[in-house]
Each structure stands twice: as structure tokens, then as C-alpha cells.
Protein backbone atom coordinates (compact mmCIF):
# COMPACT_ATOMS: atom_id res chain seq x y z
CA MET A 1 -15.18 -58.73 -76.96
CA GLU A 2 -12.21 -56.63 -76.60
CA GLN A 3 -14.32 -53.76 -77.85
CA GLU A 4 -17.03 -54.58 -75.42
CA LYS A 5 -14.51 -54.54 -72.54
CA THR A 6 -12.85 -51.16 -73.64
CA GLU A 7 -16.34 -49.81 -73.53
CA LEU A 8 -17.28 -51.08 -70.27
CA LEU A 9 -14.04 -49.32 -68.79
CA LYS A 10 -14.87 -46.06 -70.46
CA GLY A 11 -18.22 -46.13 -69.16
CA THR A 12 -16.88 -46.81 -65.67
CA LEU A 13 -14.14 -44.14 -65.69
CA ASP A 14 -16.78 -41.55 -67.28
CA MET A 15 -19.39 -42.62 -64.10
CA LEU A 16 -16.47 -42.19 -61.64
CA ILE A 17 -15.51 -38.71 -63.03
CA LEU A 18 -19.31 -37.50 -63.04
CA LYS A 19 -19.50 -38.66 -59.21
CA VAL A 20 -16.40 -36.78 -58.50
CA VAL A 21 -17.17 -33.50 -60.22
CA ALA A 22 -20.75 -33.48 -58.85
CA PHE A 23 -19.64 -32.34 -55.51
CA GLY A 24 -18.24 -28.98 -56.90
CA PRO A 25 -15.60 -27.49 -59.18
CA ILE A 26 -12.20 -29.55 -59.34
CA HIS A 27 -9.01 -29.69 -61.61
CA GLY A 28 -8.06 -33.06 -63.38
CA TYR A 29 -5.22 -33.92 -60.89
CA ALA A 30 -7.64 -33.73 -57.90
CA ILE A 31 -10.24 -35.68 -59.71
CA SER A 32 -7.65 -38.39 -60.18
CA GLN A 33 -6.54 -38.21 -56.59
CA ARG A 34 -10.15 -38.19 -55.33
CA ILE A 35 -11.06 -41.28 -57.60
CA GLN A 36 -8.15 -43.13 -56.03
CA GLN A 37 -9.42 -42.00 -52.59
CA ILE A 38 -12.91 -42.85 -52.99
CA SER A 39 -11.86 -46.46 -54.53
CA ARG A 40 -9.41 -47.24 -51.80
CA ASP A 41 -6.83 -47.37 -54.16
CA PHE A 42 -8.32 -49.65 -56.19
CA PHE A 43 -8.84 -47.41 -59.24
CA GLN A 44 -5.68 -45.45 -60.08
CA VAL A 45 -6.31 -43.18 -63.26
CA PRO A 46 -3.23 -41.79 -65.14
CA GLU A 47 -3.36 -38.64 -67.45
CA GLY A 48 -3.44 -40.74 -70.29
CA SER A 49 -6.88 -42.05 -69.42
CA LEU A 50 -8.48 -39.05 -67.25
CA TYR A 51 -8.19 -36.39 -69.74
CA PRO A 52 -9.64 -38.06 -72.70
CA GLY A 53 -12.48 -39.06 -70.30
CA LEU A 54 -12.96 -35.58 -69.45
CA TYR A 55 -12.75 -34.37 -73.11
CA ARG A 56 -15.27 -36.94 -73.86
CA LEU A 57 -17.72 -35.82 -71.21
CA GLU A 58 -17.29 -32.26 -72.37
CA ASP A 59 -17.83 -33.25 -75.86
CA ARG A 60 -20.99 -34.68 -74.90
CA GLY A 61 -22.02 -31.70 -73.00
CA TRP A 62 -21.80 -33.46 -69.48
CA LEU A 63 -18.82 -31.19 -68.30
CA GLN A 64 -17.54 -27.83 -68.88
CA ALA A 65 -13.96 -26.62 -67.98
CA THR A 66 -13.06 -23.09 -67.14
CA ASN A 67 -9.41 -22.19 -67.40
CA ALA A 68 -7.92 -20.84 -63.89
CA TRP A 69 -4.30 -19.88 -64.32
CA TRP A 70 -2.55 -22.68 -65.70
CA LYS A 71 -5.11 -25.49 -65.16
CA SER A 72 -8.85 -26.43 -66.02
CA VAL A 73 -11.45 -26.55 -63.61
CA TRP A 74 -14.05 -29.05 -64.45
CA THR A 75 -17.77 -28.41 -63.38
CA PRO A 76 -20.94 -30.28 -64.41
CA SER A 77 -22.77 -28.66 -67.43
CA CYS A 78 -26.36 -27.25 -67.07
CA VAL A 79 -27.47 -29.97 -69.29
CA SER A 80 -26.13 -33.11 -67.02
CA ILE A 81 -27.48 -31.52 -63.61
């Protein structure tokens, strides 16, 4: 039961990340802020959850990161569009 709940939460976070990134290139902190904004403060995604989600989606080929100065900018990959 606990494993199913964890997978549901990961899936929800993945969906929210993809929704935000679909609008255009964005860095991690802005993704977290945008999720909080569109959920009217219902979801507050800490870095410890956000970045593993971003890397998980990158490993699956759904996102790609481009380094711009000191931060990564995330965009949908060609495969996920």
C-alpha cells in the first residue's frame, strides 16, 4: 500500500513538472514556484523532491537540461513532444 502511494505521488509530480515545462524553457526553482502558483499553494515542492523528479524524467527521455551559467534550464525533449 505504501509503495502504491509513493508511486502515485511520483506520477503526480512528474505530470506537474511536464505541464510547467511544456510552456517553455525554465529552470528548477521557477518550476517549483510555478507549481506552487498554479496549485494555489496546495503543492509546495522542495528541492529534495523536485530535482529527483527532473532527473527521473530526463532519464526517461522526456526532458532535457541545458546548462546556462550556474543553473540548468529544462525543456521537453523531442521524444516527449
